C-alpha cells in the first residue's frame, strides 16, 4: 500500500518458512506486473524470486518512484518501550506473534505513564499515537490507570496500523 500515493509501498508479512520466495505484484494475482530480484536491492520485471533471510515477520518496502526500482525486507520482533513498562525506556517488553490471529500481543503490568511500540529493540521502526491509527514516530501512548493489560498490535492493514489495550 502506498500511503502517500507516491509509488512507495509498504506492508508487513509473516514468512513461517525460512525458504520462502516471493515477488511484488501490481495485482492481487499473477496477472499484473511482477517484480523480482534485479540484484543489489533492485527490482526487475524479469528477475528471479526474492528471498528472505530467515523465517519471521517482515516489513516489506518497494519503491517504484525512481529508477532503478528498489526494495527492502526487514525482519521485525515487536515490543513495548516506555516508562509505563517494567524496562522503562531502556529495555523493551517483548510481544509474541500469533499467525492465526495475525496479531502481536503481550499481557503485562503497566504504570500510569507512557509507552510506544518498537521493533528490534531499536528506534528505527517505532509506532505511537492513537491506538486506532498508529504512525511511525508517533506520540507516546498514555496509560490512564496502572494495572495489568492485554495489549495487541495489528499490522495486517497497511492503510491503518492499530492496537488495543484491555485491562485484565
N, C-alpha and C. Protein backbone atom coordinates (compact mmCIF):
# COMPACT_ATOMS: atom_id res chain seq x y z
N UNK A 1 0.85 -1.17 0.00
CA UNK A 1 0.00 0.00 0.00
C UNK A 1 0.89 1.24 0.00
N UNK A 2 0.50 2.24 -0.76
CA UNK A 2 1.24 3.50 -0.82
C UNK A 2 0.44 4.56 -0.09
N UNK A 3 0.83 4.84 1.17
CA UNK A 3 0.09 5.81 1.99
C UNK A 3 -0.01 7.19 1.36
N UNK A 4 1.05 7.62 0.70
CA UNK A 4 1.09 8.96 0.11
C UNK A 4 0.85 8.96 -1.39
N UNK A 5 0.45 7.81 -1.94
CA UNK A 5 0.22 7.67 -3.37
C UNK A 5 1.42 8.14 -4.18
N UNK A 6 2.63 7.80 -3.69
CA UNK A 6 3.88 8.27 -4.29
C UNK A 6 4.70 7.13 -4.88
N UNK A 7 4.07 5.98 -5.11
CA UNK A 7 4.72 4.80 -5.67
C UNK A 7 5.77 4.20 -4.72
N UNK A 8 5.64 4.53 -3.42
CA UNK A 8 6.46 3.91 -2.38
C UNK A 8 5.51 3.07 -1.53
N UNK A 9 5.70 1.76 -1.57
CA UNK A 9 4.76 0.82 -0.97
C UNK A 9 5.38 0.14 0.24
N UNK A 10 4.51 -0.22 1.20
CA UNK A 10 4.97 -0.97 2.35
C UNK A 10 3.87 -1.84 2.90
N UNK A 11 4.26 -2.86 3.61
CA UNK A 11 3.33 -3.74 4.30
C UNK A 11 4.13 -4.76 5.09
N UNK A 12 3.45 -5.44 5.98
CA UNK A 12 4.08 -6.47 6.81
C UNK A 12 3.58 -7.84 6.36
N UNK A 13 4.48 -8.80 6.39
CA UNK A 13 4.12 -10.17 6.02
C UNK A 13 4.87 -11.15 6.91
N UNK A 14 4.17 -12.21 7.29
CA UNK A 14 4.79 -13.27 8.07
C UNK A 14 5.23 -14.38 7.12
N UNK A 15 6.49 -14.76 7.23
CA UNK A 15 7.04 -15.87 6.46
C UNK A 15 7.40 -16.97 7.44
N UNK A 16 6.53 -17.99 7.60
CA UNK A 16 6.79 -19.03 8.60
C UNK A 16 7.92 -19.97 8.22
N UNK A 17 8.32 -19.98 6.96
CA UNK A 17 9.36 -20.89 6.49
C UNK A 17 10.55 -20.08 5.98
N UNK A 18 11.74 -20.45 6.41
CA UNK A 18 12.95 -19.73 6.01
C UNK A 18 13.24 -19.84 4.52
N UNK A 19 12.64 -20.78 3.84
CA UNK A 19 12.90 -20.99 2.42
C UNK A 19 11.81 -20.41 1.53
N UNK A 20 11.12 -19.39 2.00
CA UNK A 20 10.04 -18.79 1.23
C UNK A 20 10.58 -17.81 0.20
N UNK A 21 10.09 -17.93 -1.02
CA UNK A 21 10.37 -16.98 -2.09
C UNK A 21 9.14 -16.11 -2.27
N UNK A 22 9.32 -14.90 -2.81
CA UNK A 22 8.19 -14.03 -3.07
C UNK A 22 8.54 -13.05 -4.18
N UNK A 23 7.51 -12.37 -4.68
CA UNK A 23 7.65 -11.27 -5.62
C UNK A 23 6.65 -10.20 -5.23
N UNK A 24 6.93 -8.98 -5.64
CA UNK A 24 5.96 -7.91 -5.54
C UNK A 24 5.13 -7.93 -6.82
N UNK A 25 3.82 -7.72 -6.70
CA UNK A 25 2.94 -7.74 -7.87
C UNK A 25 2.07 -6.49 -7.89
N UNK A 26 1.66 -6.09 -9.09
CA UNK A 26 0.79 -4.92 -9.22
C UNK A 26 -0.68 -5.27 -9.07
N UNK A 27 -0.99 -6.55 -8.99
CA UNK A 27 -2.35 -7.06 -8.82
C UNK A 27 -2.34 -8.09 -7.70
N UNK A 28 -3.49 -8.36 -7.09
CA UNK A 28 -3.51 -9.42 -6.07
C UNK A 28 -3.52 -10.82 -6.69
N UNK A 29 -2.85 -10.95 -7.83
CA UNK A 29 -2.71 -12.22 -8.55
C UNK A 29 -1.46 -12.10 -9.41
N UNK A 30 -1.20 -13.12 -10.22
CA UNK A 30 -0.04 -13.09 -11.11
C UNK A 30 -0.37 -12.44 -12.45
N UNK A 31 -1.59 -11.92 -12.63
CA UNK A 31 -1.98 -11.37 -13.93
C UNK A 31 -1.45 -9.97 -14.19
N UNK A 32 -0.92 -9.29 -13.18
CA UNK A 32 -0.35 -7.95 -13.36
C UNK A 32 1.14 -8.01 -13.56
N UNK A 33 1.80 -6.89 -13.34
CA UNK A 33 3.26 -6.82 -13.43
C UNK A 33 3.85 -7.44 -12.17
N UNK A 34 4.86 -8.29 -12.35
CA UNK A 34 5.52 -8.96 -11.24
C UNK A 34 6.96 -8.48 -11.16
N UNK A 35 7.40 -8.14 -9.94
CA UNK A 35 8.74 -7.62 -9.73
C UNK A 35 9.54 -8.62 -8.91
N UNK A 36 10.67 -9.06 -9.48
CA UNK A 36 11.56 -9.98 -8.81
C UNK A 36 12.91 -9.34 -8.56
N UNK A 37 13.88 -10.18 -8.28
CA UNK A 37 15.21 -9.73 -7.89
C UNK A 37 16.00 -9.21 -9.09
N UNK A 38 16.33 -7.92 -9.03
CA UNK A 38 17.17 -7.31 -10.05
C UNK A 38 18.61 -7.22 -9.63
N UNK A 39 18.92 -7.71 -8.43
CA UNK A 39 20.29 -7.67 -7.90
C UNK A 39 20.55 -6.40 -7.11
N UNK A 40 21.28 -6.53 -6.01
CA UNK A 40 21.69 -5.37 -5.22
C UNK A 40 20.56 -4.54 -4.64
N UNK A 41 19.46 -5.19 -4.26
CA UNK A 41 18.33 -4.47 -3.67
C UNK A 41 17.44 -3.80 -4.69
N UNK A 42 17.59 -4.15 -5.96
CA UNK A 42 16.73 -3.58 -7.00
C UNK A 42 15.70 -4.61 -7.46
N UNK A 43 14.66 -4.11 -8.09
CA UNK A 43 13.59 -4.95 -8.62
C UNK A 43 13.65 -4.97 -10.13
N UNK A 44 13.22 -6.10 -10.72
CA UNK A 44 13.20 -6.26 -12.16
C UNK A 44 11.97 -7.06 -12.55
N UNK A 45 11.35 -6.71 -13.65
CA UNK A 45 10.20 -7.49 -14.13
C UNK A 45 10.64 -8.83 -14.71
N UNK A 46 11.93 -9.01 -14.94
CA UNK A 46 12.43 -10.29 -15.46
C UNK A 46 13.27 -11.03 -14.42
N UNK A 47 13.27 -10.53 -13.17
CA UNK A 47 14.11 -11.11 -12.14
C UNK A 47 13.55 -12.38 -11.53
N UNK A 48 14.45 -13.14 -10.89
CA UNK A 48 14.06 -14.34 -10.15
C UNK A 48 13.28 -13.93 -8.90
N UNK A 49 12.73 -14.92 -8.21
CA UNK A 49 12.02 -14.66 -6.96
C UNK A 49 12.94 -13.99 -5.95
N UNK A 50 12.34 -13.18 -5.09
CA UNK A 50 13.06 -12.58 -3.98
C UNK A 50 13.12 -13.59 -2.85
N UNK A 51 14.12 -13.49 -1.99
CA UNK A 51 14.29 -14.43 -0.89
C UNK A 51 14.44 -13.67 0.42
N UNK A 52 13.94 -14.26 1.49
CA UNK A 52 14.11 -13.67 2.82
C UNK A 52 15.30 -14.33 3.51
N UNK A 53 15.79 -13.68 4.55
CA UNK A 53 16.98 -14.20 5.23
C UNK A 53 16.67 -15.21 6.32
N UNK A 54 15.41 -15.45 6.61
CA UNK A 54 15.01 -16.43 7.62
C UNK A 54 13.54 -16.27 7.94
N UNK A 55 12.95 -17.28 8.53
CA UNK A 55 11.54 -17.21 8.90
C UNK A 55 11.31 -16.03 9.83
N UNK A 56 10.14 -15.40 9.73
CA UNK A 56 9.82 -14.30 10.62
C UNK A 56 8.81 -13.33 10.03
N UNK A 57 8.62 -12.25 10.75
CA UNK A 57 7.64 -11.21 10.40
C UNK A 57 8.41 -10.02 9.83
N UNK A 58 8.13 -9.68 8.59
CA UNK A 58 8.94 -8.71 7.85
C UNK A 58 8.17 -7.44 7.49
N UNK A 59 8.89 -6.32 7.56
CA UNK A 59 8.43 -5.07 6.96
C UNK A 59 8.99 -5.08 5.54
N UNK A 60 8.07 -5.11 4.56
CA UNK A 60 8.46 -5.12 3.16
C UNK A 60 8.21 -3.75 2.56
N UNK A 61 9.17 -3.24 1.81
CA UNK A 61 9.01 -1.96 1.13
C UNK A 61 9.45 -2.12 -0.32
N UNK A 62 8.71 -1.46 -1.21
CA UNK A 62 9.07 -1.41 -2.63
C UNK A 62 8.94 0.04 -3.07
N UNK A 63 9.99 0.57 -3.65
CA UNK A 63 10.00 1.95 -4.13
C UNK A 63 10.03 1.94 -5.66
N UNK A 64 8.88 2.28 -6.25
CA UNK A 64 8.75 2.31 -7.70
C UNK A 64 8.71 3.74 -8.21
N UNK A 65 9.22 4.68 -7.41
CA UNK A 65 9.16 6.10 -7.77
C UNK A 65 10.32 6.57 -8.62
N UNK A 66 11.39 5.82 -8.67
CA UNK A 66 12.56 6.25 -9.43
C UNK A 66 13.13 5.10 -10.22
N UNK A 67 14.32 5.28 -10.69
CA UNK A 67 14.98 4.23 -11.44
C UNK A 67 16.39 4.07 -10.87
N UNK A 68 16.80 2.90 -10.48
CA UNK A 68 16.04 1.66 -10.58
C UNK A 68 15.01 1.53 -9.45
N UNK A 69 14.05 0.63 -9.65
CA UNK A 69 13.10 0.30 -8.58
C UNK A 69 13.88 -0.46 -7.50
N UNK A 70 13.55 -0.19 -6.22
CA UNK A 70 14.27 -0.83 -5.12
C UNK A 70 13.30 -1.48 -4.14
N UNK A 71 13.84 -2.33 -3.27
CA UNK A 71 13.02 -2.97 -2.24
C UNK A 71 13.87 -3.23 -1.00
N UNK A 72 13.18 -3.48 0.10
CA UNK A 72 13.85 -3.95 1.32
C UNK A 72 12.92 -4.89 2.05
N UNK A 73 13.51 -5.78 2.83
CA UNK A 73 12.77 -6.73 3.66
C UNK A 73 13.49 -6.78 5.00
N UNK A 74 12.87 -6.19 6.04
CA UNK A 74 13.47 -6.11 7.37
C UNK A 74 12.68 -6.99 8.33
N UNK A 75 13.36 -7.99 8.88
CA UNK A 75 12.72 -8.86 9.87
C UNK A 75 12.46 -8.05 11.14
N UNK A 76 11.27 -8.20 11.72
CA UNK A 76 10.91 -7.43 12.91
C UNK A 76 10.45 -8.33 14.05
N UNK A 77 10.83 -7.94 15.25
CA UNK A 77 10.34 -8.51 16.51
C UNK A 77 9.83 -7.31 17.30
N UNK A 78 8.56 -7.32 17.70
CA UNK A 78 7.95 -6.14 18.31
C UNK A 78 7.92 -6.22 19.83
N UNK A 79 7.93 -5.06 20.46
CA UNK A 79 7.84 -4.96 21.91
C UNK A 79 7.32 -3.60 22.33
N UNK A 80 7.13 -3.47 23.64
CA UNK A 80 6.70 -2.21 24.25
C UNK A 80 7.91 -1.56 24.90
N UNK A 81 7.97 -0.24 24.84
CA UNK A 81 9.04 0.51 25.49
C UNK A 81 8.43 1.76 26.10
N UNK A 82 8.89 2.16 27.28
CA UNK A 82 8.40 3.39 27.89
C UNK A 82 8.40 3.30 29.40
N UNK A 83 8.19 4.45 30.03
CA UNK A 83 8.22 4.48 31.49
C UNK A 83 7.01 3.80 32.12
N UNK A 84 6.01 3.41 31.31
CA UNK A 84 4.89 2.63 31.82
C UNK A 84 5.25 1.15 31.96
N UNK A 85 6.33 0.72 31.31
CA UNK A 85 6.71 -0.69 31.29
C UNK A 85 7.77 -1.00 32.34
N UNK A 86 7.96 -2.29 32.60
CA UNK A 86 8.95 -2.73 33.59
C UNK A 86 10.37 -2.32 33.19
N UNK A 87 10.67 -2.29 31.90
CA UNK A 87 12.00 -1.94 31.42
C UNK A 87 12.21 -0.46 31.20
N UNK A 88 11.18 0.35 31.48
CA UNK A 88 11.21 1.79 31.26
C UNK A 88 11.63 2.10 29.83
N UNK A 89 12.45 3.09 29.62
CA UNK A 89 12.90 3.47 28.28
C UNK A 89 14.19 2.75 27.89
N UNK A 90 14.61 1.76 28.72
CA UNK A 90 15.87 1.06 28.46
C UNK A 90 15.69 -0.30 27.79
N UNK A 91 14.69 -1.07 28.22
CA UNK A 91 14.51 -2.43 27.73
C UNK A 91 13.08 -2.67 27.27
N UNK A 92 12.95 -3.19 26.06
CA UNK A 92 11.62 -3.50 25.52
C UNK A 92 11.00 -4.69 26.23
N UNK A 93 9.69 -4.66 26.37
CA UNK A 93 8.91 -5.81 26.82
C UNK A 93 8.47 -6.55 25.56
N UNK A 94 8.97 -7.77 25.32
CA UNK A 94 8.69 -8.45 24.06
C UNK A 94 7.23 -8.85 23.89
N UNK A 95 6.78 -8.79 22.65
CA UNK A 95 5.45 -9.25 22.27
C UNK A 95 5.62 -10.55 21.49
N UNK A 96 4.54 -11.32 21.38
CA UNK A 96 4.54 -12.60 20.66
C UNK A 96 3.59 -12.50 19.47
N UNK A 97 4.03 -13.01 18.32
CA UNK A 97 3.19 -13.01 17.13
C UNK A 97 2.40 -14.30 17.03
N UNK A 98 1.08 -14.19 16.73
CA UNK A 98 0.21 -15.33 16.54
C UNK A 98 -0.23 -15.34 15.07
N UNK A 99 0.27 -16.29 14.26
CA UNK A 99 -0.08 -16.29 12.84
C UNK A 99 -1.57 -16.56 12.59
N UNK A 100 -2.27 -17.20 13.52
CA UNK A 100 -3.70 -17.47 13.34
C UNK A 100 -4.52 -16.18 13.43
N UNK A 101 -4.17 -15.31 14.39
CA UNK A 101 -4.92 -14.06 14.55
C UNK A 101 -4.28 -12.90 13.80
N UNK A 102 -3.02 -13.08 13.37
CA UNK A 102 -2.22 -12.04 12.72
C UNK A 102 -1.99 -10.85 13.65
N UNK A 103 -1.86 -11.13 14.95
CA UNK A 103 -1.65 -10.08 15.96
C UNK A 103 -0.40 -10.35 16.77
N UNK A 104 0.29 -9.27 17.13
CA UNK A 104 1.32 -9.30 18.16
C UNK A 104 0.62 -9.03 19.47
N UNK A 105 1.01 -9.70 20.56
CA UNK A 105 0.34 -9.45 21.84
C UNK A 105 1.28 -9.69 23.02
N UNK A 106 0.90 -9.08 24.14
CA UNK A 106 1.58 -9.29 25.41
C UNK A 106 0.60 -8.94 26.52
N UNK A 107 0.64 -9.70 27.60
CA UNK A 107 -0.08 -9.34 28.82
C UNK A 107 0.99 -8.92 29.82
N UNK A 108 0.87 -7.68 30.29
CA UNK A 108 1.92 -7.13 31.14
C UNK A 108 1.36 -6.06 32.07
N UNK A 109 2.07 -5.84 33.18
CA UNK A 109 1.72 -4.76 34.09
C UNK A 109 2.26 -3.44 33.54
N UNK A 110 1.43 -2.40 33.61
CA UNK A 110 1.82 -1.07 33.18
C UNK A 110 1.55 -0.06 34.29
N UNK A 111 2.45 0.91 34.43
CA UNK A 111 2.23 2.04 35.32
C UNK A 111 1.42 3.10 34.57
N UNK A 112 0.85 4.02 35.29
CA UNK A 112 0.08 5.11 34.69
C UNK A 112 1.05 6.16 34.13
N UNK A 113 1.74 5.75 33.08
CA UNK A 113 2.72 6.63 32.42
C UNK A 113 2.55 6.47 30.91
N UNK A 114 3.64 6.29 30.15
CA UNK A 114 3.54 6.24 28.69
C UNK A 114 4.39 5.11 28.11
N UNK A 115 4.02 4.70 26.88
CA UNK A 115 4.79 3.69 26.16
C UNK A 115 4.61 3.88 24.66
N UNK A 116 5.40 3.13 23.90
CA UNK A 116 5.31 3.06 22.44
C UNK A 116 5.57 1.62 22.03
N UNK A 117 5.31 1.34 20.78
CA UNK A 117 5.69 0.07 20.18
C UNK A 117 6.98 0.29 19.40
N UNK A 118 7.91 -0.68 19.48
CA UNK A 118 9.10 -0.56 18.65
C UNK A 118 9.56 -1.94 18.22
N UNK A 119 10.23 -1.96 17.08
CA UNK A 119 10.73 -3.21 16.52
C UNK A 119 12.22 -3.35 16.78
N UNK A 120 12.63 -4.58 17.02
CA UNK A 120 14.04 -4.96 17.07
C UNK A 120 14.83 -4.22 18.15
N UNK A 121 14.18 -3.85 19.24
CA UNK A 121 14.84 -3.17 20.35
C UNK A 121 15.60 -1.92 19.91
N UNK A 122 15.13 -1.28 18.86
CA UNK A 122 15.76 -0.06 18.36
C UNK A 122 14.71 0.98 18.01
N UNK A 123 15.16 2.13 17.59
CA UNK A 123 14.24 3.23 17.30
C UNK A 123 14.01 3.45 15.82
N UNK A 124 14.64 2.64 14.96
CA UNK A 124 14.44 2.81 13.52
C UNK A 124 12.99 2.60 13.11
N UNK A 125 12.32 1.65 13.75
CA UNK A 125 10.92 1.36 13.46
C UNK A 125 10.17 1.43 14.78
N UNK A 126 9.40 2.50 14.98
CA UNK A 126 8.59 2.63 16.20
C UNK A 126 7.26 3.25 15.85
N UNK A 127 6.23 2.85 16.59
CA UNK A 127 4.87 3.32 16.35
C UNK A 127 4.29 3.92 17.61
N UNK A 128 3.53 5.00 17.43
CA UNK A 128 2.85 5.64 18.54
C UNK A 128 1.66 6.41 18.03
N UNK A 129 1.05 7.19 18.92
CA UNK A 129 -0.13 7.98 18.56
C UNK A 129 -1.41 7.32 19.04
N UNK A 130 -2.49 7.57 18.32
CA UNK A 130 -3.79 7.00 18.67
C UNK A 130 -3.79 5.50 18.42
N UNK A 131 -4.35 4.72 19.34
CA UNK A 131 -4.35 3.27 19.21
C UNK A 131 -5.04 2.79 17.93
N UNK A 132 -6.03 3.53 17.45
CA UNK A 132 -6.75 3.12 16.25
C UNK A 132 -6.13 3.65 14.96
N UNK A 133 -5.00 4.36 15.06
CA UNK A 133 -4.33 4.88 13.87
C UNK A 133 -2.87 5.20 14.22
N UNK A 134 -2.08 4.16 14.44
CA UNK A 134 -0.68 4.33 14.84
C UNK A 134 0.16 4.84 13.67
N UNK A 135 1.16 5.64 13.99
CA UNK A 135 2.05 6.16 12.96
C UNK A 135 3.50 6.01 13.38
N UNK A 136 4.38 5.95 12.38
CA UNK A 136 5.81 5.86 12.65
C UNK A 136 6.27 7.12 13.36
N UNK A 137 6.99 6.93 14.47
CA UNK A 137 7.48 8.06 15.25
C UNK A 137 6.38 8.82 15.95
N UNK A 138 5.18 8.25 16.05
CA UNK A 138 4.03 8.92 16.67
C UNK A 138 4.25 9.19 18.14
N UNK A 139 3.33 9.97 18.70
CA UNK A 139 3.39 10.35 20.11
C UNK A 139 3.36 9.12 21.02
N UNK A 140 3.88 9.30 22.23
CA UNK A 140 3.78 8.26 23.25
C UNK A 140 2.31 7.99 23.55
N UNK A 141 2.02 6.77 23.98
CA UNK A 141 0.66 6.34 24.30
C UNK A 141 0.50 6.37 25.81
N UNK A 142 -0.46 7.15 26.29
CA UNK A 142 -0.68 7.30 27.73
C UNK A 142 -1.47 6.13 28.29
N UNK A 143 -1.07 5.70 29.49
CA UNK A 143 -1.80 4.69 30.24
C UNK A 143 -2.53 5.44 31.36
N UNK A 144 -3.85 5.48 31.29
CA UNK A 144 -4.65 6.27 32.23
C UNK A 144 -4.63 5.70 33.65
N UNK A 145 -4.60 4.38 33.75
CA UNK A 145 -4.67 3.74 35.07
C UNK A 145 -3.71 2.57 35.11
N UNK A 146 -2.90 2.50 36.15
CA UNK A 146 -1.96 1.39 36.32
C UNK A 146 -2.73 0.08 36.43
N UNK A 147 -2.12 -1.00 35.95
CA UNK A 147 -2.74 -2.31 36.04
C UNK A 147 -2.12 -3.26 35.04
N UNK A 148 -2.71 -4.45 34.96
CA UNK A 148 -2.27 -5.45 34.00
C UNK A 148 -3.16 -5.36 32.77
N UNK A 149 -2.51 -5.32 31.59
CA UNK A 149 -3.23 -5.13 30.34
C UNK A 149 -2.85 -6.20 29.33
N UNK A 150 -3.82 -6.59 28.52
CA UNK A 150 -3.58 -7.36 27.31
C UNK A 150 -3.46 -6.32 26.19
N UNK A 151 -2.29 -6.27 25.58
CA UNK A 151 -2.05 -5.29 24.53
C UNK A 151 -1.81 -6.05 23.24
N UNK A 152 -2.53 -5.65 22.18
CA UNK A 152 -2.34 -6.26 20.87
C UNK A 152 -1.91 -5.19 19.87
N UNK A 153 -1.15 -5.62 18.89
CA UNK A 153 -0.69 -4.76 17.80
C UNK A 153 -1.06 -5.44 16.50
N UNK A 154 -1.81 -4.73 15.66
CA UNK A 154 -2.30 -5.26 14.40
C UNK A 154 -1.66 -4.48 13.25
N UNK A 155 -0.76 -5.13 12.53
CA UNK A 155 -0.06 -4.52 11.40
C UNK A 155 -0.51 -5.13 10.07
N UNK A 156 -1.65 -5.81 10.07
CA UNK A 156 -2.10 -6.52 8.87
C UNK A 156 -2.71 -5.60 7.81
N UNK A 157 -3.10 -4.39 8.18
CA UNK A 157 -3.68 -3.44 7.22
C UNK A 157 -2.76 -2.23 7.09
N UNK A 158 -1.99 -2.12 6.02
CA UNK A 158 -1.04 -1.01 5.90
C UNK A 158 -1.70 0.36 5.78
N UNK A 159 -3.00 0.38 5.54
CA UNK A 159 -3.71 1.66 5.50
C UNK A 159 -3.87 2.24 6.90
N UNK A 160 -3.91 1.36 7.91
CA UNK A 160 -4.15 1.82 9.27
C UNK A 160 -3.66 0.78 10.27
N UNK A 161 -2.49 1.02 10.86
CA UNK A 161 -1.97 0.15 11.91
C UNK A 161 -2.71 0.46 13.20
N UNK A 162 -3.07 -0.60 13.95
CA UNK A 162 -3.93 -0.43 15.13
C UNK A 162 -3.40 -1.23 16.31
N UNK A 163 -3.85 -0.84 17.50
CA UNK A 163 -3.53 -1.58 18.71
C UNK A 163 -4.74 -1.54 19.64
N UNK A 164 -4.77 -2.45 20.61
CA UNK A 164 -5.79 -2.42 21.66
C UNK A 164 -5.10 -2.58 23.00
N UNK A 165 -5.76 -2.04 24.03
CA UNK A 165 -5.32 -2.20 25.43
C UNK A 165 -6.55 -2.60 26.23
N UNK A 166 -6.56 -3.80 26.78
CA UNK A 166 -7.70 -4.27 27.56
C UNK A 166 -7.20 -4.59 28.96
N UNK A 167 -7.74 -3.88 29.94
CA UNK A 167 -7.35 -4.12 31.33
C UNK A 167 -7.83 -5.49 31.76
N UNK A 168 -6.96 -6.25 32.41
CA UNK A 168 -7.29 -7.62 32.83
C UNK A 168 -7.78 -7.64 34.27
